[in-house]
Amino acid sequence: MAQIKKFEDLESWQKARELSQFIFEITKKDLFSKDYTLVDQIRASSGSGMDNIAEDFNRGGNKEFIQFLFISNGSLAESQSQLYRALDRKYIIDEEFNKGYLLANRTIKLNLGMIRYLKSSDYKGQKYS
């Protein structure tokens, strides 16, 4: 595994950032932009998926980081559910839905991989060194 010195080095954070930006772009579309509640919810959940990865990275403990990765996954799943609502309301097309859903899913899988790694590692985090 490559040396990870800051949260921006994490591929899961990078993918979550890509999802957050994608969500921002599709929510600017005419019909979608007028559904203020859904726009606020999906922007918040996609941002939370990204922010929770970053938030705990520097706290220095693996157990806390694992917890925040699970929280991130919950926010990402929420974004996926909201993408279904956007699709059902015809705010987005299938291709946009698929791109957003797959970005969220890829991030979830990356987070789960990090969780498995952290759980199997003897290293408990910087604050325990």
C-alpha atoms as a PDB file:
ATOM      1  CA  MET A   1       0.000   0.000   0.000  1.00  0.00           C
ATOM      2  CA  ALA A   2       1.335   3.425  -0.906  1.00  0.00           C
ATOM      3  CA  GLN A   3       2.164   5.849   1.880  1.00  0.00           C
ATOM      4  CA  ILE A   4      -0.892   7.908   2.743  1.00  0.00           C
ATOM      5  CA  LYS A   5       0.035  11.150   4.470  1.00  0.00           C
ATOM      6  CA  LYS A   6      -3.128  13.207   4.061  1.00  0.00           C
ATOM      7  CA  PHE A   7      -6.764  12.472   3.416  1.00  0.00           C
ATOM      8  CA  GLU A   8      -6.464  13.763  -0.152  1.00  0.00           C
ATOM      9  CA  ASP A   9      -4.208  10.751  -0.876  1.00  0.00           C
ATOM     10  CA  LEU A  10      -7.074   8.342  -0.210  1.00  0.00           C
ATOM     11  CA  GLU A  11      -8.674   7.063  -3.393  1.00  0.00           C
ATOM     12  CA  SER A  12     -12.001   6.792  -1.572  1.00  0.00           C
ATOM     13  CA  TRP A  13     -11.911  10.512  -0.731  1.00  0.00           C
ATOM     14  CA  GLN A  14     -10.996  11.317  -4.343  1.00  0.00           C
ATOM     15  CA  LYS A  15     -13.961   9.290  -5.651  1.00  0.00           C
ATOM     16  CA  ALA A  16     -16.295  10.837  -3.065  1.00  0.00           C
ATOM     17  CA  ARG A  17     -15.132  14.274  -4.197  1.00  0.00           C
ATOM     18  CA  GLU A  18     -15.840  13.315  -7.806  1.00  0.00           C
ATOM     19  CA  LEU A  19     -19.343  12.186  -6.788  1.00  0.00           C
ATOM     20  CA  SER A  20     -19.987  15.393  -4.861  1.00  0.00           C
ATOM     21  CA  GLN A  21     -18.997  17.500  -7.869  1.00  0.00           C
ATOM     22  CA  PHE A  22     -21.087  15.354 -10.217  1.00  0.00           C
ATOM     23  CA  ILE A  23     -24.117  15.741  -7.935  1.00  0.00           C
ATOM     24  CA  PHE A  24     -23.585  19.489  -7.829  1.00  0.00           C
ATOM     25  CA  GLU A  25     -23.575  19.643 -11.632  1.00  0.00           C
ATOM     26  CA  ILE A  26     -26.702  17.551 -12.184  1.00  0.00           C
ATOM     27  CA  THR A  27     -28.650  19.439  -9.507  1.00  0.00           C
ATOM     28  CA  LYS A  28     -28.136  22.673 -11.444  1.00  0.00           C
ATOM     29  CA  LYS A  29     -30.332  21.308 -14.257  1.00  0.00           C
ATOM     30  CA  ASP A  30     -33.602  23.158 -14.787  1.00  0.00           C
ATOM     31  CA  LEU A  31     -36.244  20.852 -13.292  1.00  0.00           C
ATOM     32  CA  PHE A  32     -33.939  19.349 -10.689  1.00  0.00           C
ATOM     33  CA  SER A  33     -32.787  22.755  -9.451  1.00  0.00           C
ATOM     34  CA  LYS A  34     -36.374  23.698  -8.551  1.00  0.00           C
ATOM     35  CA  ASP A  35     -36.794  20.743  -6.163  1.00  0.00           C
ATOM     36  CA  TYR A  36     -35.030  22.574  -3.343  1.00  0.00           C
ATOM     37  CA  THR A  37     -35.530  19.873  -0.726  1.00  0.00           C
ATOM     38  CA  LEU A  38     -34.080  17.084  -2.847  1.00  0.00           C
ATOM     39  CA  VAL A  39     -31.240  19.305  -4.081  1.00  0.00           C
ATOM     40  CA  ASP A  40     -30.297  20.171  -0.497  1.00  0.00           C
ATOM     41  CA  GLN A  41     -30.533  16.539   0.612  1.00  0.00           C
ATOM     42  CA  ILE A  42     -28.491  15.007  -2.185  1.00  0.00           C
ATOM     43  CA  ARG A  43     -25.835  17.704  -2.071  1.00  0.00           C
ATOM     44  CA  ALA A  44     -25.562  17.268   1.691  1.00  0.00           C
ATOM     45  CA  SER A  45     -25.354  13.473   1.597  1.00  0.00           C
ATOM     46  CA  SER A  46     -22.772  13.381  -1.184  1.00  0.00           C
ATOM     47  CA  GLY A  47     -20.737  16.032   0.621  1.00  0.00           C
ATOM     48  CA  SER A  48     -21.036  14.116   3.872  1.00  0.00           C
ATOM     49  CA  GLY A  49     -19.709  10.989   2.161  1.00  0.00           C
ATOM     50  CA  MET A  50     -16.583  12.953   1.298  1.00  0.00           C
ATOM     51  CA  ASP A  51     -16.326  14.939   4.526  1.00  0.00           C
ATOM     52  CA  ASN A  52     -16.562  11.978   6.891  1.00  0.00           C
ATOM     53  CA  ILE A  53     -13.527  10.375   5.252  1.00  0.00           C
ATOM     54  CA  ALA A  54     -11.570  13.590   5.737  1.00  0.00           C
ATOM     55  CA  GLU A  55     -12.956  14.438   9.167  1.00  0.00           C
ATOM     56  CA  ASP A  56     -11.519  11.507  11.040  1.00  0.00           C
ATOM     57  CA  PHE A  57      -8.353  10.911   9.045  1.00  0.00           C
ATOM     58  CA  ASN A  58      -6.219  13.144  11.287  1.00  0.00           C
ATOM     59  CA  ARG A  59      -7.710  12.106  14.625  1.00  0.00           C
ATOM     60  CA  GLY A  60      -5.043   9.444  14.811  1.00  0.00           C
ATOM     61  CA  GLY A  61      -6.988   6.348  15.819  1.00  0.00           C
ATOM     62  CA  ASN A  62      -7.981   3.446  13.597  1.00  0.00           C
ATOM     63  CA  LYS A  63     -11.183   2.612  15.513  1.00  0.00           C
ATOM     64  CA  GLU A  64     -12.511   6.132  15.076  1.00  0.00           C
ATOM     65  CA  PHE A  65     -11.499   6.159  11.423  1.00  0.00           C
ATOM     66  CA  ILE A  66     -13.359   2.888  10.851  1.00  0.00           C
ATOM     67  CA  GLN A  67     -16.463   4.378  12.459  1.00  0.00           C
ATOM     68  CA  PHE A  68     -16.331   7.449  10.208  1.00  0.00           C
ATOM     69  CA  LEU A  69     -15.805   5.275   7.119  1.00  0.00           C
ATOM     70  CA  PHE A  70     -19.027   3.448   7.986  1.00  0.00           C
ATOM     71  CA  ILE A  71     -20.783   6.802   8.446  1.00  0.00           C
ATOM     72  CA  SER A  72     -19.432   7.857   5.054  1.00  0.00           C
ATOM     73  CA  ASN A  73     -20.891   4.696   3.523  1.00  0.00           C
ATOM     74  CA  GLY A  74     -24.284   5.511   5.020  1.00  0.00           C
ATOM     75  CA  SER A  75     -24.200   8.956   3.441  1.00  0.00           C
ATOM     76  CA  LEU A  76     -23.154   7.499   0.097  1.00  0.00           C
ATOM     77  CA  ALA A  77     -26.017   4.980   0.197  1.00  0.00           C
ATOM     78  CA  GLU A  78     -28.343   7.878   0.986  1.00  0.00           C
ATOM     79  CA  SER A  79     -27.068   9.623  -2.158  1.00  0.00           C
ATOM     80  CA  GLN A  80     -27.818   6.482  -4.158  1.00  0.00           C
ATOM     81  CA  SER A  81     -31.386   6.423  -2.844  1.00  0.00           C
ATOM     82  CA  GLN A  82     -31.811  10.092  -3.692  1.00  0.00           C
ATOM     83  CA  LEU A  83     -30.541   9.412  -7.198  1.00  0.00           C
ATOM     84  CA  TYR A  84     -33.453   6.989  -7.573  1.00  0.00           C
ATOM     85  CA  ARG A  85     -35.853   9.763  -6.592  1.00  0.00           C
ATOM     86  CA  ALA A  86     -34.256  12.102  -9.124  1.00  0.00           C
ATOM     87  CA  LEU A  87     -34.548   9.422 -11.811  1.00  0.00           C
ATOM     88  CA  ASP A  88     -38.167   8.629 -10.916  1.00  0.00           C
ATOM     89  CA  ARG A  89     -39.040  12.328 -11.113  1.00  0.00           C
ATOM     90  CA  LYS A  90     -37.286  12.512 -14.490  1.00  0.00           C
ATOM     91  CA  TYR A  91     -34.774  15.112 -13.307  1.00  0.00           C
ATOM     92  CA  ILE A  92     -31.931  12.954 -14.619  1.00  0.00           C
ATOM     93  CA  ILE A  93     -31.517  10.372 -17.356  1.00  0.00           C
ATOM     94  CA  ASP A  94     -30.373   6.769 -16.955  1.00  0.00           C
ATOM     95  CA  GLU A  95     -26.774   7.595 -17.864  1.00  0.00           C
ATOM     96  CA  GLU A  96     -26.553  10.264 -15.161  1.00  0.00           C
ATOM     97  CA  PHE A  97     -28.151   7.945 -12.632  1.00  0.00           C
ATOM     98  CA  ASN A  98     -25.717   5.160 -13.492  1.00  0.00           C
ATOM     99  CA  LYS A  99     -22.681   7.421 -13.263  1.00  0.00           C
ATOM    100  CA  GLY A 100     -23.666   8.782  -9.852  1.00  0.00           C
ATOM    101  CA  TYR A 101     -24.714   5.388  -8.506  1.00  0.00           C
ATOM    102  CA  LEU A 102     -21.487   3.738  -9.653  1.00  0.00           C
ATOM    103  CA  LEU A 103     -19.312   6.540  -8.216  1.00  0.00           C
ATOM    104  CA  ALA A 104     -21.023   6.110  -4.854  1.00  0.00           C
ATOM    105  CA  ASN A 105     -20.718   2.339  -5.066  1.00  0.00           C
ATOM    106  CA  ARG A 106     -17.018   2.516  -5.938  1.00  0.00           C
ATOM    107  CA  THR A 107     -16.415   4.800  -2.964  1.00  0.00           C
ATOM    108  CA  ILE A 108     -18.310   2.448  -0.646  1.00  0.00           C
ATOM    109  CA  LYS A 109     -16.182  -0.475  -1.833  1.00  0.00           C
ATOM    110  CA  LEU A 110     -12.980   1.513  -1.337  1.00  0.00           C
ATOM    111  CA  ASN A 111     -14.101   2.452   2.177  1.00  0.00           C
ATOM    112  CA  LEU A 112     -14.867  -1.199   2.944  1.00  0.00           C
ATOM    113  CA  GLY A 113     -11.412  -2.170   1.694  1.00  0.00           C
ATOM    114  CA  MET A 114      -9.844   0.415   4.007  1.00  0.00           C
ATOM    115  CA  ILE A 115     -11.965  -0.869   6.901  1.00  0.00           C
ATOM    116  CA  ARG A 116     -10.794  -4.447   6.275  1.00  0.00           C
ATOM    117  CA  TYR A 117      -7.192  -3.259   6.137  1.00  0.00           C
ATOM    118  CA  LEU A 118      -7.486  -1.246   9.349  1.00  0.00           C
ATOM    119  CA  LYS A 119      -9.198  -4.097  11.202  1.00  0.00           C
ATOM    120  CA  SER A 120      -6.470  -6.555  10.208  1.00  0.00           C
ATOM    121  CA  SER A 121      -3.581  -4.195  10.955  1.00  0.00           C
ATOM    122  CA  ASP A 122      -1.652  -4.272  14.227  1.00  0.00           C
ATOM    123  CA  TYR A 123      -1.133  -0.525  13.855  1.00  0.00           C
ATOM    124  CA  LYS A 124      -3.718   1.271  15.997  1.00  0.00           C
ATOM    125  CA  GLY A 125      -3.085   4.816  14.812  1.00  0.00           C
ATOM    126  CA  GLN A 126      -0.753   7.769  15.389  1.00  0.00           C
ATOM    127  CA  LYS A 127      -2.196   8.739  18.746  1.00  0.00           C
ATOM    128  CA  TYR A 128      -1.218   5.328  20.123  1.00  0.00           C
ATOM    129  CA  SER A 129       2.405   5.463  18.956  1.00  0.00           C
END
